[in-house]
N, C-alpha and C. Protein backbone atom coordinates (compact mmCIF):
# COMPACT_ATOMS: atom_id res chain seq x y z
N MET A 1 12.40 -1.72 -2.46
CA MET A 1 12.12 -0.69 -3.37
C MET A 1 11.67 -0.37 -4.74
N PRO A 2 11.05 0.40 -5.36
CA PRO A 2 10.21 0.33 -6.45
C PRO A 2 11.50 0.73 -7.62
N ALA A 3 10.86 -0.07 -8.61
CA ALA A 3 11.90 0.13 -9.68
C ALA A 3 11.77 1.57 -10.33
N GLN A 4 13.50 1.99 -10.85
CA GLN A 4 13.31 3.34 -11.20
C GLN A 4 12.01 3.84 -12.09
N GLY A 5 11.37 5.03 -11.68
CA GLY A 5 10.28 5.59 -12.11
C GLY A 5 8.70 4.93 -11.69
N GLU A 6 9.32 3.86 -10.94
CA GLU A 6 7.79 3.79 -10.29
C GLU A 6 7.44 4.41 -9.13
N PRO A 7 6.19 4.59 -8.95
CA PRO A 7 5.79 5.30 -7.43
C PRO A 7 6.27 4.39 -6.25
N ASP A 8 6.62 5.12 -5.12
CA ASP A 8 7.01 4.60 -4.01
C ASP A 8 5.83 3.83 -3.40
N PRO A 9 6.23 2.82 -2.65
CA PRO A 9 4.48 2.06 -2.36
C PRO A 9 4.31 2.39 -0.73
N HIS A 10 4.94 3.28 -0.43
CA HIS A 10 4.79 3.56 0.88
C HIS A 10 4.13 4.56 1.32
N PHE A 11 3.54 5.49 0.22
CA PHE A 11 2.61 6.35 -0.19
C PHE A 11 1.44 6.20 -0.59
N ARG A 12 0.57 6.68 -0.46
CA ARG A 12 -0.78 6.67 -1.54
C ARG A 12 -1.10 7.95 -2.19
N THR A 13 -2.03 8.19 -2.93
CA THR A 13 -2.89 9.21 -2.93
C THR A 13 -4.28 9.45 -2.05
N ARG A 14 -4.78 10.53 -2.26
CA ARG A 14 -5.80 10.38 -1.01
C ARG A 14 -7.07 9.71 -1.32
N SER A 15 -7.32 9.51 -2.84
CA SER A 15 -8.10 8.40 -3.08
C SER A 15 -7.62 7.02 -3.14
N GLY A 16 -6.58 6.74 -3.10
CA GLY A 16 -5.69 5.54 -3.23
C GLY A 16 -5.73 4.28 -1.88
N ARG A 17 -5.48 3.35 -2.02
CA ARG A 17 -5.34 2.42 -0.47
C ARG A 17 -3.97 1.96 -0.61
N LEU A 18 -3.19 1.69 0.14
CA LEU A 18 -1.93 1.56 0.44
C LEU A 18 -1.43 0.06 -0.38
N ARG A 19 -2.51 -0.53 -0.05
CA ARG A 19 -2.23 -2.05 -0.28
C ARG A 19 -2.04 -2.07 -2.11
N ASP A 20 -2.90 -1.28 -2.44
CA ASP A 20 -2.39 -0.94 -4.21
C ASP A 20 -1.14 -0.91 -4.59
N ARG A 21 -0.40 -0.36 -3.78
CA ARG A 21 0.88 0.02 -4.24
C ARG A 21 2.03 -1.07 -4.10
N PHE A 22 1.46 -1.89 -3.36
CA PHE A 22 2.47 -3.15 -3.09
C PHE A 22 2.12 -4.26 -4.40
N PRO A 23 3.71 -4.93 -4.64
CA PRO A 23 3.45 -6.16 -5.70
C PRO A 23 2.73 -7.09 -5.18
N ALA A 24 2.07 -7.64 -6.08
CA ALA A 24 1.45 -8.70 -5.90
C ALA A 24 2.32 -9.87 -6.65
N GLY A 25 1.70 -11.16 -6.47
CA GLY A 25 2.45 -12.29 -7.18
C GLY A 25 3.35 -13.53 -6.21
N ILE A 26 4.59 -13.79 -6.93
CA ILE A 26 5.47 -14.52 -5.97
C ILE A 26 6.01 -13.80 -4.87
N LEU A 27 6.44 -14.55 -3.67
CA LEU A 27 6.56 -14.00 -2.61
C LEU A 27 8.42 -13.75 -2.64
N PRO A 28 9.26 -13.28 -1.68
CA PRO A 28 10.55 -13.08 -1.91
C PRO A 28 11.16 -14.34 -1.52
N ALA A 29 12.19 -14.98 -1.73
CA ALA A 29 12.67 -16.41 -1.33
C ALA A 29 12.78 -16.26 0.57
N TRP A 30 12.79 -15.33 0.95
CA TRP A 30 12.66 -15.33 2.33
C TRP A 30 11.33 -15.30 3.50
N LEU A 31 10.32 -15.17 2.80
CA LEU A 31 9.13 -15.11 3.28
C LEU A 31 8.13 -16.38 2.78
N THR A 32 7.76 -17.17 3.37
CA THR A 32 6.73 -18.10 2.76
C THR A 32 5.62 -18.34 2.85
N GLU A 33 4.71 -18.84 2.39
CA GLU A 33 2.80 -18.57 2.41
C GLU A 33 2.86 -18.52 3.83
N GLU A 34 3.44 -20.10 4.72
CA GLU A 34 3.42 -20.25 6.04
C GLU A 34 3.55 -18.94 7.04
N ASP A 35 4.53 -18.47 6.61
CA ASP A 35 4.85 -17.10 7.30
C ASP A 35 4.22 -16.06 6.94
N LEU A 36 3.51 -16.07 6.04
CA LEU A 36 2.77 -14.87 5.72
C LEU A 36 1.77 -15.02 6.60
N ASP A 37 1.14 -16.37 6.46
CA ASP A 37 -0.38 -16.52 7.25
C ASP A 37 -0.14 -16.66 9.07
N VAL A 38 1.17 -16.96 9.66
CA VAL A 38 1.19 -16.66 11.12
C VAL A 38 1.51 -15.20 11.25
N TYR A 39 1.86 -14.38 10.36
CA TYR A 39 1.77 -12.85 10.47
C TYR A 39 0.38 -12.31 10.35
N VAL A 40 -0.31 -12.84 9.62
CA VAL A 40 -1.59 -12.23 9.04
C VAL A 40 -2.55 -12.94 10.07
N GLY A 41 -2.31 -14.12 10.67
CA GLY A 41 -3.00 -14.37 11.70
C GLY A 41 -2.96 -13.86 12.87
N GLU A 42 -1.82 -13.43 13.36
CA GLU A 42 -1.39 -12.21 14.69
C GLU A 42 -1.99 -11.23 14.22
N PHE A 43 -2.08 -10.42 13.16
CA PHE A 43 -2.78 -9.36 12.90
C PHE A 43 -4.01 -8.98 13.23
N GLU A 44 -4.73 -10.22 12.91
CA GLU A 44 -6.02 -10.65 12.74
C GLU A 44 -6.67 -10.55 14.35
N ARG A 45 -5.63 -11.35 15.10
CA ARG A 45 -5.76 -11.38 16.48
C ARG A 45 -5.67 -10.16 17.01
N THR A 46 -4.36 -9.58 17.22
CA THR A 46 -4.11 -8.63 18.02
C THR A 46 -4.39 -7.23 17.19
N GLY A 47 -4.84 -7.28 16.12
CA GLY A 47 -4.77 -5.83 15.50
C GLY A 47 -3.68 -5.06 15.43
N LEU A 48 -3.54 -3.52 14.74
CA LEU A 48 -2.25 -3.19 14.27
C LEU A 48 -1.90 -2.22 15.57
N THR A 49 -2.61 -2.21 16.24
CA THR A 49 -2.61 -1.07 17.62
C THR A 49 -0.99 -0.82 18.08
N GLY A 50 -0.64 -1.79 18.59
CA GLY A 50 0.88 -1.74 19.11
C GLY A 50 1.65 -1.29 18.05
N ALA A 51 1.56 -1.82 16.66
CA ALA A 51 2.38 -1.37 15.72
C ALA A 51 2.24 -0.11 15.53
N LEU A 52 1.19 0.28 15.46
CA LEU A 52 1.11 1.73 15.05
C LEU A 52 1.25 3.03 16.17
N ASN A 53 1.28 2.11 17.41
CA ASN A 53 1.85 3.34 18.48
C ASN A 53 2.93 3.56 18.46
N ARG A 54 3.89 2.94 17.94
CA ARG A 54 5.10 3.43 17.70
C ARG A 54 5.22 4.83 17.05
N TYR A 55 4.84 4.89 15.84
CA TYR A 55 4.74 5.84 15.11
C TYR A 55 3.98 6.96 15.66
N ARG A 56 3.00 7.00 16.55
CA ARG A 56 1.89 7.55 17.33
C ARG A 56 2.76 8.46 18.25
N ASN A 57 3.81 8.03 18.49
CA ASN A 57 4.70 8.38 19.87
C ASN A 57 5.93 9.18 19.21
N MET A 58 6.13 9.42 17.96
CA MET A 58 7.29 9.79 17.56
C MET A 58 7.63 10.82 17.92
N ASP A 59 6.57 11.92 18.18
CA ASP A 59 6.82 13.06 18.16
C ASP A 59 7.42 13.54 19.91
N ARG A 60 6.83 12.60 20.54
CA ARG A 60 7.20 12.56 22.16
C ARG A 60 8.73 12.45 22.09
N ASP A 61 9.35 11.46 21.23
CA ASP A 61 10.70 11.00 21.37
C ASP A 61 11.38 12.22 21.32
N TRP A 62 11.24 13.02 20.27
CA TRP A 62 12.03 14.62 20.35
C TRP A 62 11.84 15.15 21.35
N GLU A 63 10.77 15.16 22.11
CA GLU A 63 10.95 16.17 23.36
C GLU A 63 11.38 15.51 24.45
N ASP A 64 11.10 14.64 24.56
CA ASP A 64 11.92 13.37 25.50
C ASP A 64 13.67 13.30 25.27
N LEU A 65 13.92 13.31 24.03
CA LEU A 65 15.45 13.52 23.81
C LEU A 65 16.02 14.67 23.63
N ALA A 66 15.22 15.96 23.71
CA ALA A 66 15.73 17.09 23.25
C ALA A 66 16.86 17.23 24.59
N PRO A 67 17.25 17.24 25.64
CA PRO A 67 18.37 17.53 26.14
C PRO A 67 19.57 16.68 25.64
N HIS A 68 19.50 16.08 24.91
CA HIS A 68 20.60 15.24 24.35
C HIS A 68 21.14 15.34 22.81
N ARG A 69 20.13 16.66 22.41
CA ARG A 69 20.48 16.92 20.85
C ARG A 69 21.81 17.11 20.66
N GLY A 70 22.43 16.61 19.53
CA GLY A 70 23.92 16.87 19.25
C GLY A 70 24.37 15.87 19.74
N ALA A 71 24.47 15.31 20.74
CA ALA A 71 24.81 14.46 21.91
C ALA A 71 25.60 12.92 21.19
N ALA A 72 26.80 12.42 21.06
CA ALA A 72 27.20 11.45 20.19
C ALA A 72 27.28 10.31 21.14
N ILE A 73 26.87 9.12 20.57
CA ILE A 73 26.52 7.64 21.46
C ILE A 73 27.71 7.22 20.94
N THR A 74 28.26 7.25 22.57
CA THR A 74 30.03 6.39 22.86
C THR A 74 30.10 5.39 22.93
N GLN A 75 28.91 4.60 23.07
CA GLN A 75 28.97 3.22 23.62
C GLN A 75 29.38 2.71 22.20
N PRO A 76 30.17 0.99 22.34
CA PRO A 76 30.50 0.40 21.06
C PRO A 76 29.33 0.17 20.23
N SER A 77 29.28 0.33 18.96
CA SER A 77 27.97 0.23 18.35
C SER A 77 28.38 -0.40 16.84
N LEU A 78 27.14 -1.25 16.38
CA LEU A 78 27.45 -1.96 15.11
C LEU A 78 26.22 -1.55 14.46
N PHE A 79 26.20 -0.66 13.06
CA PHE A 79 25.32 -0.75 11.90
C PHE A 79 25.32 -1.79 11.03
N ILE A 80 23.81 -2.54 10.74
CA ILE A 80 23.86 -3.53 9.44
C ILE A 80 22.29 -2.56 9.02
N GLY A 81 22.68 -2.44 7.91
CA GLY A 81 21.21 -2.12 7.26
C GLY A 81 21.07 -2.59 5.74
N GLY A 82 19.74 -2.52 4.98
CA GLY A 82 19.74 -2.96 3.49
C GLY A 82 20.12 -2.11 2.78
N ALA A 83 20.41 -2.09 1.65
CA ALA A 83 20.58 -0.97 0.61
C ALA A 83 19.39 -0.60 0.18
N LEU A 84 18.41 -1.84 0.08
CA LEU A 84 17.12 -1.59 -0.56
C LEU A 84 16.62 -1.38 0.80
N ASP A 85 16.40 -0.62 1.78
CA ASP A 85 15.67 -0.28 2.62
C ASP A 85 15.31 1.25 2.58
N SER A 86 14.40 1.33 2.75
CA SER A 86 13.89 2.67 2.34
C SER A 86 14.21 3.77 3.38
N SER A 87 14.17 3.04 4.58
CA SER A 87 15.07 3.93 5.76
C SER A 87 16.50 4.11 5.45
N THR A 88 17.21 3.38 4.73
CA THR A 88 18.72 3.73 4.44
C THR A 88 18.69 4.97 3.26
N THR A 89 17.53 4.94 2.31
CA THR A 89 17.81 5.75 1.46
C THR A 89 17.32 7.30 2.02
N TRP A 90 16.14 7.18 3.13
CA TRP A 90 15.48 8.61 3.71
C TRP A 90 16.49 9.06 4.66
N MET A 91 16.83 8.24 5.20
CA MET A 91 18.13 8.53 6.29
C MET A 91 19.49 8.48 5.93
N SER A 92 19.75 8.82 5.05
CA SER A 92 21.31 8.57 4.05
C SER A 92 22.15 9.77 4.82
N ASP A 93 21.57 11.18 5.26
CA ASP A 93 22.36 12.02 6.08
C ASP A 93 23.12 11.64 7.31
N ALA A 94 22.00 10.78 7.82
CA ALA A 94 22.16 10.47 9.48
C ALA A 94 23.29 9.08 9.15
N ILE A 95 23.23 8.30 8.48
CA ILE A 95 24.45 7.43 8.13
C ILE A 95 25.68 8.03 7.64
N ASP A 96 25.46 8.97 6.77
CA ASP A 96 26.82 9.68 6.47
C ASP A 96 27.23 10.36 7.87
N ALA A 97 26.41 10.72 8.93
CA ALA A 97 26.76 11.47 9.92
C ALA A 97 27.34 10.44 11.03
N PHE A 98 27.27 9.15 10.66
CA PHE A 98 27.94 8.21 11.85
C PHE A 98 29.20 8.56 12.20
N PRO A 99 30.29 8.62 11.91
CA PRO A 99 31.42 9.13 12.53
C PRO A 99 31.37 10.04 13.38
N THR A 100 30.38 11.05 13.45
CA THR A 100 30.21 12.40 14.60
C THR A 100 29.07 11.61 15.38
N THR A 101 27.99 11.31 14.86
CA THR A 101 27.25 10.73 16.15
C THR A 101 27.40 9.67 16.79
N LEU A 102 28.02 8.92 16.30
CA LEU A 102 28.13 7.62 16.76
C LEU A 102 29.81 7.33 16.78
N SER A 103 30.21 8.12 17.71
CA SER A 103 31.83 7.62 17.80
C SER A 103 32.26 6.30 18.56
N GLY A 104 31.29 5.81 18.86
CA GLY A 104 31.54 4.50 19.31
C GLY A 104 31.50 3.35 18.40
N LEU A 105 31.12 3.71 17.24
CA LEU A 105 30.93 2.67 16.02
C LEU A 105 32.04 2.16 15.91
N THR A 106 31.91 0.73 15.55
CA THR A 106 33.36 -0.20 15.39
C THR A 106 32.95 -0.58 13.83
N SER A 107 31.83 -0.96 13.79
CA SER A 107 31.42 -1.45 12.24
C SER A 107 30.09 -1.11 11.80
N SER A 108 30.09 -0.74 10.38
CA SER A 108 29.02 -0.62 9.75
C SER A 108 28.85 -1.12 8.56
N HIS A 109 27.73 -1.82 7.84
CA HIS A 109 27.74 -2.73 7.15
C HIS A 109 26.24 -2.32 6.22
N LEU A 110 26.40 -1.89 5.00
CA LEU A 110 25.24 -1.82 4.34
C LEU A 110 24.85 -2.78 3.15
N LEU A 111 23.98 -3.84 3.32
CA LEU A 111 24.25 -5.20 2.67
C LEU A 111 23.54 -4.93 1.21
N GLU A 112 24.15 -4.92 -0.11
CA GLU A 112 23.73 -4.60 -1.00
C GLU A 112 22.63 -6.15 -1.29
N GLY A 113 21.39 -5.52 -2.10
CA GLY A 113 20.42 -6.31 -2.18
C GLY A 113 19.33 -6.94 -1.11
N ALA A 114 19.83 -6.44 -0.16
CA ALA A 114 18.68 -6.29 1.10
C ALA A 114 17.59 -5.40 1.43
N GLY A 115 16.48 -5.87 1.91
CA GLY A 115 15.78 -4.72 2.14
C GLY A 115 15.43 -3.97 3.68
N HIS A 116 14.35 -4.33 4.24
CA HIS A 116 14.01 -3.65 5.50
C HIS A 116 14.13 -4.77 6.33
N TRP A 117 13.77 -5.79 6.12
CA TRP A 117 13.77 -7.26 7.02
C TRP A 117 14.98 -8.33 6.64
N ILE A 118 16.18 -7.33 7.07
CA ILE A 118 17.11 -8.18 7.33
C ILE A 118 17.38 -9.28 7.79
N GLN A 119 16.92 -9.45 8.74
CA GLN A 119 17.22 -10.63 9.97
C GLN A 119 16.48 -11.67 8.84
N GLN A 120 15.50 -11.49 8.22
CA GLN A 120 14.68 -12.69 7.52
C GLN A 120 15.30 -13.02 6.23
N GLU A 121 16.09 -11.82 5.71
CA GLU A 121 16.11 -11.65 4.18
C GLU A 121 17.78 -12.68 3.86
N ARG A 122 18.75 -12.53 5.26
CA ARG A 122 19.82 -12.70 5.23
C ARG A 122 20.39 -13.23 6.73
N PRO A 123 19.49 -14.25 7.33
CA PRO A 123 20.03 -14.72 8.31
C PRO A 123 21.25 -15.05 8.65
N GLU A 124 21.82 -15.34 8.06
CA GLU A 124 23.51 -16.19 8.33
C GLU A 124 24.47 -15.34 8.35
N GLU A 125 24.16 -14.44 7.29
CA GLU A 125 25.27 -12.98 7.27
C GLU A 125 25.00 -12.37 8.70
N ILE A 126 23.55 -11.79 8.86
CA ILE A 126 23.23 -11.00 9.43
C ILE A 126 23.94 -11.53 11.48
N ASN A 127 23.78 -12.90 11.23
CA ASN A 127 24.29 -13.75 12.72
C ASN A 127 25.43 -13.24 12.51
N GLN A 128 26.43 -13.71 11.42
CA GLN A 128 27.88 -13.51 11.53
C GLN A 128 28.02 -12.76 12.01
N LEU A 129 27.77 -11.36 11.34
CA LEU A 129 27.97 -10.01 11.76
C LEU A 129 28.07 -9.76 13.07
N LEU A 130 26.82 -9.80 13.51
CA LEU A 130 26.65 -9.91 14.99
C LEU A 130 27.34 -10.59 15.87
N THR A 131 27.95 -11.91 15.96
CA THR A 131 28.62 -12.49 16.97
C THR A 131 29.91 -12.25 16.81
N SER A 132 30.88 -11.64 15.18
CA SER A 132 31.67 -11.33 14.98
C SER A 132 32.14 -10.03 15.86
N TRP A 133 30.90 -9.11 15.87
CA TRP A 133 30.78 -8.01 16.58
C TRP A 133 30.92 -8.14 18.05
N LEU A 134 30.16 -8.97 18.48
CA LEU A 134 30.04 -9.10 20.02
C LEU A 134 31.38 -9.89 20.52
N ASN A 135 32.00 -10.54 19.54
CA ASN A 135 33.29 -11.07 20.14
C ASN A 135 34.24 -10.06 20.59
N THR A 136 34.12 -8.92 19.93
CA THR A 136 35.10 -7.86 19.95
C THR A 136 34.80 -7.20 21.11
N LEU A 137 33.82 -7.13 21.72
CA LEU A 137 33.59 -6.53 23.01
C LEU A 137 34.28 -7.34 24.42
N THR A 138 34.41 -6.26 24.97
CA THR A 138 35.01 -6.53 26.35
C THR A 138 33.63 -6.75 27.74
N ALA A 139 33.96 -7.68 28.47
CA ALA A 139 32.92 -7.43 29.64
C ALA A 139 33.02 -6.62 30.54
């Protein structure tokens, strides 16, 4: 997340480049140069089509899910998000609505200091939360 008063890196001006908005310099502790090389190599090999297709299909999701509008998800569920993830700020109303929309929610965790890639940023904590939650479920 950008610092207070800094522009959001997820958006660009008409003449700007998205890459100009992201910080340069030291990588976070959870991302090594070797990790980055693997990701770059895979995107160079396969392109971004698969990743972008998810976003290209979003309008279709609304159409496909229209018959279920307003229906609660009753299955046992767990939510884990990062407090620094833009999704948890943009979608904070959805998170606030979990008691209604996720009636099967048994546990919810918003991890302070974590961003979007919580499984890389906090792997031990995520594994502990997941396995603890899974152990509460009956077969």
